Every structure is written in C-alpha cells, then in structure tokens.
Amino acid sequence: LVKSSEVNGGDDAAQAQWFSVDKVPQLAFDHDYILREAM
C-alpha cells in the first residue's frame, strides 16, 4: 500500500500506469485471480 506517485515503464514493460480497481482491463496470466485475492 503506497501513496500514488509517478511511475515509468522500463525493462520489458512497455509502460506503467495506475488503474482504478473498478476499471482494470483483462490481465495476462492468472493476474485477474491474483487481483481478486489481493482485494
């Protein structure tokens, strides 16, 4: 849990971005399930 701050994509990430938890797009791998568990 952090205070929102500026982020920038790097390494093999094309970009990094903050998303509202109720507007998250479909995620790769099993990350949709991981997000539900995190919530």
PDB file of all heavy atoms in Angstrom:
ATOM      1  N   LEU A   1       0.861  -1.176   0.000  1.00  0.00           N
ATOM      2  CA  LEU A   1       0.000   0.000   0.000  1.00  0.00           C
ATOM      3  C   LEU A   1       0.898   1.226   0.000  1.00  0.00           C
ATOM      4  O   LEU A   1       1.744   1.374   0.883  1.00  0.00           O
ATOM      5  CB  LEU A   1      -0.902   0.009   1.232  1.00  0.00           C
ATOM      6  CG  LEU A   1      -1.662  -1.295   1.535  1.00  0.00           C
ATOM      7  CD1 LEU A   1      -2.421  -1.162   2.843  1.00  0.00           C
ATOM      8  CD2 LEU A   1      -2.604  -1.632   0.401  1.00  0.00           C
ATOM      9  N   VAL A   2       0.730   2.088  -0.979  1.00  0.00           N
ATOM     10  CA  VAL A   2       1.604   3.250  -1.092  1.00  0.00           C
ATOM     11  C   VAL A   2       0.779   4.474  -1.478  1.00  0.00           C
ATOM     12  O   VAL A   2      -0.358   4.362  -1.948  1.00  0.00           O
ATOM     13  CB  VAL A   2       2.706   3.035  -2.161  1.00  0.00           C
ATOM     14  CG1 VAL A   2       3.535   1.811  -1.847  1.00  0.00           C
ATOM     15  CG2 VAL A   2       2.090   2.913  -3.553  1.00  0.00           C
ATOM     16  N   LYS A   3       1.357   5.636  -1.279  1.00  0.00           N
ATOM     17  CA  LYS A   3       0.759   6.859  -1.781  1.00  0.00           C
ATOM     18  C   LYS A   3       1.047   6.935  -3.283  1.00  0.00           C
ATOM     19  O   LYS A   3       2.169   6.695  -3.716  1.00  0.00           O
ATOM     20  CB  LYS A   3       1.331   8.073  -1.053  1.00  0.00           C
ATOM     21  CG  LYS A   3       1.075   8.051   0.451  1.00  0.00           C
ATOM     22  CD  LYS A   3       1.778   9.211   1.141  1.00  0.00           C
ATOM     23  CE  LYS A   3       1.531   9.157   2.644  1.00  0.00           C
ATOM     24  NZ  LYS A   3       2.114   7.978   3.285  1.00  0.00           N
ATOM     25  N   SER A   4       0.033   7.206  -4.068  1.00  0.00           N
ATOM     26  CA  SER A   4       0.195   7.236  -5.524  1.00  0.00           C
ATOM     27  C   SER A   4       1.316   8.189  -5.920  1.00  0.00           C
ATOM     28  O   SER A   4       1.421   9.295  -5.400  1.00  0.00           O
ATOM     29  CB  SER A   4      -1.110   7.667  -6.195  1.00  0.00           C
ATOM     30  OG  SER A   4      -2.117   6.717  -5.954  1.00  0.00           O
ATOM     31  N   SER A   5       2.163   7.750  -6.821  1.00  0.00           N
ATOM     32  CA  SER A   5       3.279   8.571  -7.289  1.00  0.00           C
ATOM     33  C   SER A   5       3.509   8.293  -8.770  1.00  0.00           C
ATOM     34  O   SER A   5       2.940   7.358  -9.336  1.00  0.00           O
ATOM     35  CB  SER A   5       4.544   8.268  -6.486  1.00  0.00           C
ATOM     36  OG  SER A   5       4.898   6.899  -6.614  1.00  0.00           O
ATOM     37  N   GLU A   6       4.351   9.093  -9.372  1.00  0.00           N
ATOM     38  CA  GLU A   6       4.620   8.929 -10.800  1.00  0.00           C
ATOM     39  C   GLU A   6       5.409   7.645 -11.041  1.00  0.00           C
ATOM     40  O   GLU A   6       6.334   7.305 -10.296  1.00  0.00           O
ATOM     41  CB  GLU A   6       5.416  10.121 -11.322  1.00  0.00           C
ATOM     42  CG  GLU A   6       5.674  10.081 -12.823  1.00  0.00           C
ATOM     43  CD  GLU A   6       6.412  11.310 -13.315  1.00  0.00           C
ATOM     44  OE1 GLU A   6       6.562  12.279 -12.537  1.00  0.00           O
ATOM     45  OE2 GLU A   6       6.838  11.305 -14.482  1.00  0.00           O
ATOM     46  N   VAL A   7       5.033   6.922 -12.097  1.00  0.00           N
ATOM     47  CA  VAL A   7       5.725   5.681 -12.459  1.00  0.00           C
ATOM     48  C   VAL A   7       6.065   5.721 -13.954  1.00  0.00           C
ATOM     49  O   VAL A   7       5.423   6.424 -14.728  1.00  0.00           O
ATOM     50  CB  VAL A   7       4.859   4.439 -12.147  1.00  0.00           C
ATOM     51  CG1 VAL A   7       4.704   4.250 -10.651  1.00  0.00           C
ATOM     52  CG2 VAL A   7       3.482   4.557 -12.812  1.00  0.00           C
ATOM     53  N   ASN A   8       7.067   4.945 -14.324  1.00  0.00           N
ATOM     54  CA  ASN A   8       7.506   4.900 -15.722  1.00  0.00           C
ATOM     55  C   ASN A   8       7.871   3.471 -16.096  1.00  0.00           C
ATOM     56  O   ASN A   8       8.557   2.779 -15.340  1.00  0.00           O
ATOM     57  CB  ASN A   8       8.721   5.805 -15.940  1.00  0.00           C
ATOM     58  CG  ASN A   8       8.408   7.268 -15.677  1.00  0.00           C
ATOM     59  OD1 ASN A   8       7.756   7.924 -16.478  1.00  0.00           O
ATOM     60  ND2 ASN A   8       8.870   7.777 -14.533  1.00  0.00           N
ATOM     61  N   GLY A   9       7.418   3.042 -17.261  1.00  0.00           N
ATOM     62  CA  GLY A   9       7.730   1.696 -17.711  1.00  0.00           C
ATOM     63  C   GLY A   9       9.201   1.540 -18.047  1.00  0.00           C
ATOM     64  O   GLY A   9       9.837   2.457 -18.568  1.00  0.00           O
ATOM     65  N   GLY A  10       9.752   0.381 -17.727  1.00  0.00           N
ATOM     66  CA  GLY A  10      11.156   0.121 -18.004  1.00  0.00           C
ATOM     67  C   GLY A  10      11.401  -1.367 -18.192  1.00  0.00           C
ATOM     68  O   GLY A  10      10.495  -2.182 -18.006  1.00  0.00           O
ATOM     69  N   ASP A  11      12.614  -1.738 -18.557  1.00  0.00           N
ATOM     70  CA  ASP A  11      12.997  -3.130 -18.782  1.00  0.00           C
ATOM     71  C   ASP A  11      12.082  -3.714 -19.869  1.00  0.00           C
ATOM     72  O   ASP A  11      12.000  -3.174 -20.954  1.00  0.00           O
ATOM     73  CB  ASP A  11      12.916  -3.918 -17.475  1.00  0.00           C
ATOM     74  CG  ASP A  11      13.628  -5.250 -17.561  1.00  0.00           C
ATOM     75  OD1 ASP A  11      14.599  -5.363 -18.334  1.00  0.00           O
ATOM     76  OD2 ASP A  11      13.209  -6.203 -16.868  1.00  0.00           O
ATOM     77  N   ASP A  12      11.366  -4.824 -19.597  1.00  0.00           N
ATOM     78  CA  ASP A  12      10.499  -5.393 -20.629  1.00  0.00           C
ATOM     79  C   ASP A  12       9.052  -4.928 -20.499  1.00  0.00           C
ATOM     80  O   ASP A  12       8.139  -5.549 -21.058  1.00  0.00           O
ATOM     81  CB  ASP A  12      10.569  -6.928 -20.611  1.00  0.00           C
ATOM     82  CG  ASP A  12      10.219  -7.505 -19.239  1.00  0.00           C
ATOM     83  OD1 ASP A  12      10.000  -6.723 -18.306  1.00  0.00           O
ATOM     84  OD2 ASP A  12      10.156  -8.741 -19.129  1.00  0.00           O
ATOM     85  N   ALA A  13       8.824  -3.818 -19.750  1.00  0.00           N
ATOM     86  CA  ALA A  13       7.486  -3.235 -19.638  1.00  0.00           C
ATOM     87  C   ALA A  13       7.391  -2.043 -20.584  1.00  0.00           C
ATOM     88  O   ALA A  13       8.184  -1.104 -20.501  1.00  0.00           O
ATOM     89  CB  ALA A  13       7.229  -2.784 -18.200  1.00  0.00           C
ATOM     90  N   ALA A  14       6.424  -2.089 -21.506  1.00  0.00           N
ATOM     91  CA  ALA A  14       6.266  -1.005 -22.466  1.00  0.00           C
ATOM     92  C   ALA A  14       5.864   0.290 -21.766  1.00  0.00           C
ATOM     93  O   ALA A  14       6.292   1.379 -22.145  1.00  0.00           O
ATOM     94  CB  ALA A  14       5.222  -1.379 -23.516  1.00  0.00           C
ATOM     95  N   GLN A  15       5.042   0.180 -20.714  1.00  0.00           N
ATOM     96  CA  GLN A  15       4.657   1.336 -19.927  1.00  0.00           C
ATOM     97  C   GLN A  15       4.102   0.870 -18.594  1.00  0.00           C
ATOM     98  O   GLN A  15       3.721  -0.293 -18.433  1.00  0.00           O
ATOM     99  CB  GLN A  15       3.628   2.200 -20.661  1.00  0.00           C
ATOM    100  CG  GLN A  15       2.320   1.500 -21.006  1.00  0.00           C
ATOM    101  CD  GLN A  15       1.315   2.445 -21.634  1.00  0.00           C
ATOM    102  OE1 GLN A  15       1.116   3.571 -21.162  1.00  0.00           O
ATOM    103  NE2 GLN A  15       0.657   2.002 -22.705  1.00  0.00           N
ATOM    104  N   ALA A  16       4.061   1.789 -17.635  1.00  0.00           N
ATOM    105  CA  ALA A  16       3.490   1.512 -16.320  1.00  0.00           C
ATOM    106  C   ALA A  16       2.413   2.552 -16.054  1.00  0.00           C
ATOM    107  O   ALA A  16       2.563   3.722 -16.410  1.00  0.00           O
ATOM    108  CB  ALA A  16       4.572   1.575 -15.242  1.00  0.00           C
ATOM    109  N   GLN A  17       1.330   2.127 -15.405  1.00  0.00           N
ATOM    110  CA  GLN A  17       0.204   3.038 -15.221  1.00  0.00           C
ATOM    111  C   GLN A  17      -0.653   2.609 -14.034  1.00  0.00           C
ATOM    112  O   GLN A  17      -0.794   1.421 -13.745  1.00  0.00           O
ATOM    113  CB  GLN A  17      -0.645   3.062 -16.501  1.00  0.00           C
ATOM    114  CG  GLN A  17      -1.791   4.045 -16.500  1.00  0.00           C
ATOM    115  CD  GLN A  17      -2.521   4.039 -17.834  1.00  0.00           C
ATOM    116  OE1 GLN A  17      -1.918   3.937 -18.898  1.00  0.00           O
ATOM    117  NE2 GLN A  17      -3.835   4.135 -17.786  1.00  0.00           N
ATOM    118  N   TRP A  18      -1.234   3.608 -13.339  1.00  0.00           N
ATOM    119  CA  TRP A  18      -2.182   3.343 -12.260  1.00  0.00           C
ATOM    120  C   TRP A  18      -3.576   3.188 -12.858  1.00  0.00           C
ATOM    121  O   TRP A  18      -4.010   3.987 -13.673  1.00  0.00           O
ATOM    122  CB  TRP A  18      -2.195   4.486 -11.253  1.00  0.00           C
ATOM    123  CG  TRP A  18      -0.944   4.626 -10.456  1.00  0.00           C
ATOM    124  CD1 TRP A  18       0.088   5.498 -10.682  1.00  0.00           C
ATOM    125  CD2 TRP A  18      -0.583   3.887  -9.286  1.00  0.00           C
ATOM    126  NE1 TRP A  18       1.066   5.330  -9.727  1.00  0.00           N
ATOM    127  CE2 TRP A  18       0.683   4.364  -8.858  1.00  0.00           C
ATOM    128  CE3 TRP A  18      -1.200   2.873  -8.557  1.00  0.00           C
ATOM    129  CZ2 TRP A  18       1.326   3.861  -7.727  1.00  0.00           C
ATOM    130  CZ3 TRP A  18      -0.562   2.366  -7.440  1.00  0.00           C
ATOM    131  CH2 TRP A  18       0.687   2.852  -7.036  1.00  0.00           C
ATOM    132  N   PHE A  19      -4.305   2.161 -12.434  1.00  0.00           N
ATOM    133  CA  PHE A  19      -5.675   1.932 -12.869  1.00  0.00           C
ATOM    134  C   PHE A  19      -6.601   1.911 -11.647  1.00  0.00           C
ATOM    135  O   PHE A  19      -6.261   1.332 -10.609  1.00  0.00           O
ATOM    136  CB  PHE A  19      -5.803   0.581 -13.577  1.00  0.00           C
ATOM    137  CG  PHE A  19      -5.312   0.568 -15.001  1.00  0.00           C
ATOM    138  CD1 PHE A  19      -3.962   0.433 -15.281  1.00  0.00           C
ATOM    139  CD2 PHE A  19      -6.206   0.690 -16.058  1.00  0.00           C
ATOM    140  CE1 PHE A  19      -3.498   0.415 -16.591  1.00  0.00           C
ATOM    141  CE2 PHE A  19      -5.758   0.670 -17.372  1.00  0.00           C
ATOM    142  CZ  PHE A  19      -4.407   0.539 -17.647  1.00  0.00           C
ATOM    143  N   SER A  20      -7.779   2.520 -11.794  1.00  0.00           N
ATOM    144  CA  SER A  20      -8.800   2.373 -10.766  1.00  0.00           C
ATOM    145  C   SER A  20      -9.151   0.895 -10.653  1.00  0.00           C
ATOM    146  O   SER A  20      -9.251   0.194 -11.667  1.00  0.00           O
ATOM    147  CB  SER A  20     -10.037   3.184 -11.145  1.00  0.00           C
ATOM    148  OG  SER A  20     -11.103   2.895 -10.259  1.00  0.00           O
ATOM    149  N   VAL A  21      -9.345   0.398  -9.429  1.00  0.00           N
ATOM    150  CA  VAL A  21      -9.585  -1.033  -9.248  1.00  0.00           C
ATOM    151  C   VAL A  21     -10.880  -1.505  -9.907  1.00  0.00           C
ATOM    152  O   VAL A  21     -11.034  -2.698 -10.185  1.00  0.00           O
ATOM    153  CB  VAL A  21      -9.601  -1.415  -7.751  1.00  0.00           C
ATOM    154  CG1 VAL A  21      -8.220  -1.270  -7.136  1.00  0.00           C
ATOM    155  CG2 VAL A  21     -10.631  -0.595  -6.988  1.00  0.00           C
ATOM    156  N   ASP A  22     -11.817  -0.577 -10.155  1.00  0.00           N
ATOM    157  CA  ASP A  22     -13.054  -0.984 -10.821  1.00  0.00           C
ATOM    158  C   ASP A  22     -13.001  -0.743 -12.326  1.00  0.00           C
ATOM    159  O   ASP A  22     -14.001  -0.886 -13.026  1.00  0.00           O
ATOM    160  CB  ASP A  22     -14.266  -0.279 -10.213  1.00  0.00           C
ATOM    161  CG  ASP A  22     -14.167   1.237 -10.279  1.00  0.00           C
ATOM    162  OD1 ASP A  22     -13.154   1.750 -10.790  1.00  0.00           O
ATOM    163  OD2 ASP A  22     -15.105   1.906  -9.804  1.00  0.00           O
ATOM    164  N   LYS A  23     -11.824  -0.390 -12.840  1.00  0.00           N
ATOM    165  CA  LYS A  23     -11.664  -0.184 -14.286  1.00  0.00           C
ATOM    166  C   LYS A  23     -10.426  -0.910 -14.816  1.00  0.00           C
ATOM    167  O   LYS A  23      -9.812  -0.483 -15.789  1.00  0.00           O
ATOM    168  CB  LYS A  23     -11.569   1.307 -14.597  1.00  0.00           C
ATOM    169  CG  LYS A  23     -12.830   2.090 -14.243  1.00  0.00           C
ATOM    170  CD  LYS A  23     -12.658   3.568 -14.527  1.00  0.00           C
ATOM    171  CE  LYS A  23     -13.914   4.338 -14.112  1.00  0.00           C
ATOM    172  NZ  LYS A  23     -13.750   5.809 -14.320  1.00  0.00           N
ATOM    173  N   VAL A  24     -10.079  -1.997 -14.168  1.00  0.00           N
ATOM    174  CA  VAL A  24      -8.907  -2.767 -14.579  1.00  0.00           C
ATOM    175  C   VAL A  24      -9.236  -3.587 -15.826  1.00  0.00           C
ATOM    176  O   VAL A  24     -10.257  -4.289 -15.855  1.00  0.00           O
ATOM    177  CB  VAL A  24      -8.445  -3.709 -13.440  1.00  0.00           C
ATOM    178  CG1 VAL A  24      -7.352  -4.655 -13.922  1.00  0.00           C
ATOM    179  CG2 VAL A  24      -7.941  -2.889 -12.259  1.00  0.00           C
ATOM    180  N   PRO A  25      -8.416  -3.525 -16.864  1.00  0.00           N
ATOM    181  CA  PRO A  25      -8.661  -4.336 -18.069  1.00  0.00           C
ATOM    182  C   PRO A  25      -8.371  -5.807 -17.779  1.00  0.00           C
ATOM    183  O   PRO A  25      -7.854  -6.151 -16.715  1.00  0.00           O
ATOM    184  CB  PRO A  25      -7.659  -3.767 -19.075  1.00  0.00           C
ATOM    185  CG  PRO A  25      -6.544  -3.249 -18.221  1.00  0.00           C
ATOM    186  CD  PRO A  25      -7.194  -2.704 -16.980  1.00  0.00           C
ATOM    187  N   GLN A  26      -8.701  -6.669 -18.733  1.00  0.00           N
ATOM    188  CA  GLN A  26      -8.372  -8.085 -18.575  1.00  0.00           C
ATOM    189  C   GLN A  26      -6.860  -8.222 -18.480  1.00  0.00           C
ATOM    190  O   GLN A  26      -6.115  -7.630 -19.267  1.00  0.00           O
ATOM    191  CB  GLN A  26      -8.902  -8.905 -19.749  1.00  0.00           C
ATOM    192  CG  GLN A  26      -8.640 -10.395 -19.596  1.00  0.00           C
ATOM    193  CD  GLN A  26      -9.235 -11.207 -20.729  1.00  0.00           C
ATOM    194  OE1 GLN A  26      -9.938 -10.673 -21.588  1.00  0.00           O
ATOM    195  NE2 GLN A  26      -8.945 -12.503 -20.762  1.00  0.00           N
ATOM    196  N   LEU A  27      -6.403  -9.004 -17.515  1.00  0.00           N
ATOM    197  CA  LEU A  27      -4.978  -9.111 -17.242  1.00  0.00           C
ATOM    198  C   LEU A  27      -4.382 -10.396 -17.799  1.00  0.00           C
ATOM    199  O   LEU A  27      -5.089 -11.387 -18.030  1.00  0.00           O
ATOM    200  CB  LEU A  27      -4.729  -9.041 -15.728  1.00  0.00           C
ATOM    201  CG  LEU A  27      -5.247  -7.787 -15.026  1.00  0.00           C
ATOM    202  CD1 LEU A  27      -4.958  -7.860 -13.537  1.00  0.00           C
ATOM    203  CD2 LEU A  27      -4.630  -6.526 -15.626  1.00  0.00           C
ATOM    204  N   ALA A  28      -3.069 -10.377 -18.007  1.00  0.00           N
ATOM    205  CA  ALA A  28      -2.343 -11.540 -18.518  1.00  0.00           C
ATOM    206  C   ALA A  28      -2.197 -12.612 -17.441  1.00  0.00           C
ATOM    207  O   ALA A  28      -2.411 -12.358 -16.249  1.00  0.00           O
ATOM    208  CB  ALA A  28      -0.963 -11.104 -19.016  1.00  0.00           C
ATOM    209  N   PHE A  29      -1.840 -13.803 -17.878  1.00  0.00           N
ATOM    210  CA  PHE A  29      -1.600 -14.937 -16.981  1.00  0.00           C
ATOM    211  C   PHE A  29      -2.839 -15.173 -16.099  1.00  0.00           C
ATOM    212  O   PHE A  29      -3.958 -15.115 -16.599  1.00  0.00           O
ATOM    213  CB  PHE A  29      -0.341 -14.707 -16.133  1.00  0.00           C
ATOM    214  CG  PHE A  29       0.893 -14.425 -16.950  1.00  0.00           C
ATOM    215  CD1 PHE A  29       1.389 -13.136 -17.074  1.00  0.00           C
ATOM    216  CD2 PHE A  29       1.554 -15.446 -17.624  1.00  0.00           C
ATOM    217  CE1 PHE A  29       2.516 -12.865 -17.838  1.00  0.00           C
ATOM    218  CE2 PHE A  29       2.684 -15.196 -18.398  1.00  0.00           C
ATOM    219  CZ  PHE A  29       3.161 -13.902 -18.508  1.00  0.00           C
ATOM    220  N   ASP A  30      -2.626 -15.398 -14.810  1.00  0.00           N
ATOM    221  CA  ASP A  30      -3.743 -15.558 -13.864  1.00  0.00           C
ATOM    222  C   ASP A  30      -3.869 -14.326 -12.974  1.00  0.00           C
ATOM    223  O   ASP A  30      -4.325 -14.406 -11.835  1.00  0.00           O
ATOM    224  CB  ASP A  30      -3.539 -16.806 -13.007  1.00  0.00           C
ATOM    225  CG  ASP A  30      -2.225 -16.765 -12.236  1.00  0.00           C
ATOM    226  OD1 ASP A  30      -1.381 -15.873 -12.520  1.00  0.00           O
ATOM    227  OD2 ASP A  30      -2.017 -17.622 -11.347  1.00  0.00           O
ATOM    228  N   HIS A  31      -3.459 -13.167 -13.493  1.00  0.00           N
ATOM    229  CA  HIS A  31      -3.405 -11.968 -12.665  1.00  0.00           C
ATOM    230  C   HIS A  31      -4.775 -11.431 -12.278  1.00  0.00           C
ATOM    231  O   HIS A  31      -4.896 -10.723 -11.282  1.00  0.00           O
ATOM    232  CB  HIS A  31      -2.566 -10.898 -13.357  1.00  0.00           C
ATOM    233  CG  HIS A  31      -1.113 -11.247 -13.402  1.00  0.00           C
ATOM    234  ND1 HIS A  31      -0.132 -10.374 -13.842  1.00  0.00           N
ATOM    235  CD2 HIS A  31      -0.458 -12.394 -13.063  1.00  0.00           C
ATOM    236  CE1 HIS A  31       1.048 -10.959 -13.764  1.00  0.00           C
ATOM    237  NE2 HIS A  31       0.875 -12.192 -13.311  1.00  0.00           N
ATOM    238  N   ASP A  32      -5.830 -11.772 -13.041  1.00  0.00           N
ATOM    239  CA  ASP A  32      -7.184 -11.406 -12.615  1.00  0.00           C
ATOM    240  C   ASP A  32      -7.516 -12.101 -11.291  1.00  0.00           C
ATOM    241  O   ASP A  32      -8.088 -11.495 -10.382  1.00  0.00           O
ATOM    242  CB  ASP A  32      -8.219 -11.801 -13.677  1.00  0.00           C
ATOM    243  CG  ASP A  32      -8.116 -10.948 -14.932  1.00  0.00           C
ATOM    244  OD1 ASP A  32      -8.229  -9.716 -14.821  1.00  0.00           O
ATOM    245  OD2 ASP A  32      -7.913 -11.515 -16.019  1.00  0.00           O
ATOM    246  N   TYR A  33      -7.151 -13.352 -11.206  1.00  0.00           N
ATOM    247  CA  TYR A  33      -7.389 -14.121  -9.986  1.00  0.00           C
ATOM    248  C   TYR A  33      -6.536 -13.584  -8.836  1.00  0.00           C
ATOM    249  O   TYR A  33      -7.017 -13.438  -7.706  1.00  0.00           O
ATOM    250  CB  TYR A  33      -7.068 -15.600 -10.232  1.00  0.00           C
ATOM    251  CG  TYR A  33      -7.131 -16.455  -8.996  1.00  0.00           C
ATOM    252  CD1 TYR A  33      -8.318 -16.629  -8.302  1.00  0.00           C
ATOM    253  CD2 TYR A  33      -5.986 -17.082  -8.508  1.00  0.00           C
ATOM    254  CE1 TYR A  33      -8.375 -17.416  -7.159  1.00  0.00           C
ATOM    255  CE2 TYR A  33      -6.032 -17.874  -7.375  1.00  0.00           C
ATOM    256  CZ  TYR A  33      -7.236 -18.027  -6.700  1.00  0.00           C
ATOM    257  OH  TYR A  33      -7.277 -18.795  -5.569  1.00  0.00           O
ATOM    258  N   ILE A  34      -5.286 -13.252  -9.119  1.00  0.00           N
ATOM    259  CA  ILE A  34      -4.402 -12.704  -8.088  1.00  0.00           C
ATOM    260  C   ILE A  34      -4.965 -11.388  -7.557  1.00  0.00           C
ATOM    261  O   ILE A  34      -4.939 -11.127  -6.345  1.00  0.00           O
ATOM    262  CB  ILE A  34      -2.974 -12.505  -8.635  1.00  0.00           C
ATOM    263  CG1 ILE A  34      -2.333 -13.859  -8.943  1.00  0.00           C
ATOM    264  CG2 ILE A  34      -2.110 -11.734  -7.641  1.00  0.00           C
ATOM    265  CD1 ILE A  34      -0.942 -13.761  -9.554  1.00  0.00           C
ATOM    266  N   LEU A  35      -5.511 -10.557  -8.434  1.00  0.00           N
ATOM    267  CA  LEU A  35      -6.097  -9.289  -8.005  1.00  0.00           C
ATOM    268  C   LEU A  35      -7.291  -9.528  -7.092  1.00  0.00           C
ATOM    269  O   LEU A  35      -7.453  -8.840  -6.080  1.00  0.00           O
ATOM    270  CB  LEU A  35      -6.518  -8.461  -9.220  1.00  0.00           C
ATOM    271  CG  LEU A  35      -7.194  -7.119  -8.910  1.00  0.00           C
ATOM    272  CD1 LEU A  35      -6.289  -6.230  -8.064  1.00  0.00           C
ATOM    273  CD2 LEU A  35      -7.597  -6.406 -10.196  1.00  0.00           C
ATOM    274  N   ARG A  36      -8.129 -10.479  -7.426  1.00  0.00           N
ATOM    275  CA  ARG A  36      -9.284 -10.785  -6.561  1.00  0.00           C
ATOM    276  C   ARG A  36      -8.822 -11.225  -5.178  1.00  0.00           C
ATOM    277  O   ARG A  36      -9.406 -10.837  -4.161  1.00  0.00           O
ATOM    278  CB  ARG A  36     -10.156 -11.868  -7.210  1.00  0.00           C
ATOM    279  CG  ARG A  36     -10.900 -11.402  -8.453  1.00  0.00           C
ATOM    280  CD  ARG A  36     -12.031 -12.368  -8.812  1.00  0.00           C
ATOM    281  NE  ARG A  36     -11.557 -13.690  -9.148  1.00  0.00           N
ATOM    282  CZ  ARG A  36     -11.200 -14.067 -10.373  1.00  0.00           C
ATOM    283  NH1 ARG A  36     -11.255 -13.192 -11.374  1.00  0.00           N
ATOM    284  NH2 ARG A  36     -10.794 -15.302 -10.612  1.00  0.00           N
ATOM    285  N   GLU A  37      -7.782 -12.040  -5.142  1.00  0.00           N
ATOM    286  CA  GLU A  37      -7.257 -12.495  -3.854  1.00  0.00           C
ATOM    287  C   GLU A  37      -6.655 -11.330  -3.071  1.00  0.00           C
ATOM    288  O   GLU A  37      -6.786 -11.254  -1.839  1.00  0.00           O
ATOM    289  CB  GLU A  37      -6.207 -13.584  -4.071  1.00  0.00           C
ATOM    290  CG  GLU A  37      -6.769 -14.881  -4.616  1.00  0.00           C
ATOM    291  CD  GLU A  37      -7.800 -15.497  -3.677  1.00  0.00           C
ATOM    292  OE1 GLU A  37      -7.440 -15.784  -2.508  1.00  0.00           O
ATOM    293  OE2 GLU A  37      -8.959 -15.659  -4.093  1.00  0.00           O
ATOM    294  N   ALA A  38      -6.009 -10.414  -3.755  1.00  0.00           N
ATOM    295  CA  ALA A  38      -5.420  -9.248  -3.097  1.00  0.00           C
ATOM    296  C   ALA A  38      -6.506  -8.348  -2.516  1.00  0.00           C
ATOM    297  O   ALA A  38      -6.361  -7.806  -1.409  1.00  0.00           O
ATOM    298  CB  ALA A  38      -4.552  -8.468  -4.071  1.00  0.00           C
ATOM    299  N   MET A  39      -7.608  -8.188  -3.241  1.00  0.00           N
ATOM    300  CA  MET A  39      -8.711  -7.375  -2.738  1.00  0.00           C
ATOM    301  C   MET A  39      -9.358  -8.025  -1.513  1.00  0.00           C
ATOM    302  O   MET A  39      -9.746  -7.335  -0.560  1.00  0.00           O
ATOM    303  CB  MET A  39      -9.755  -7.162  -3.834  1.00  0.00           C
ATOM    304  CG  MET A  39      -9.340  -6.190  -4.930  1.00  0.00           C
ATOM    305  SD  MET A  39      -8.989  -4.514  -4.297  1.00  0.00           S
ATOM    306  CE  MET A  39     -10.559  -4.063  -3.561  1.00  0.00           C
TER     307      MET A  39
END
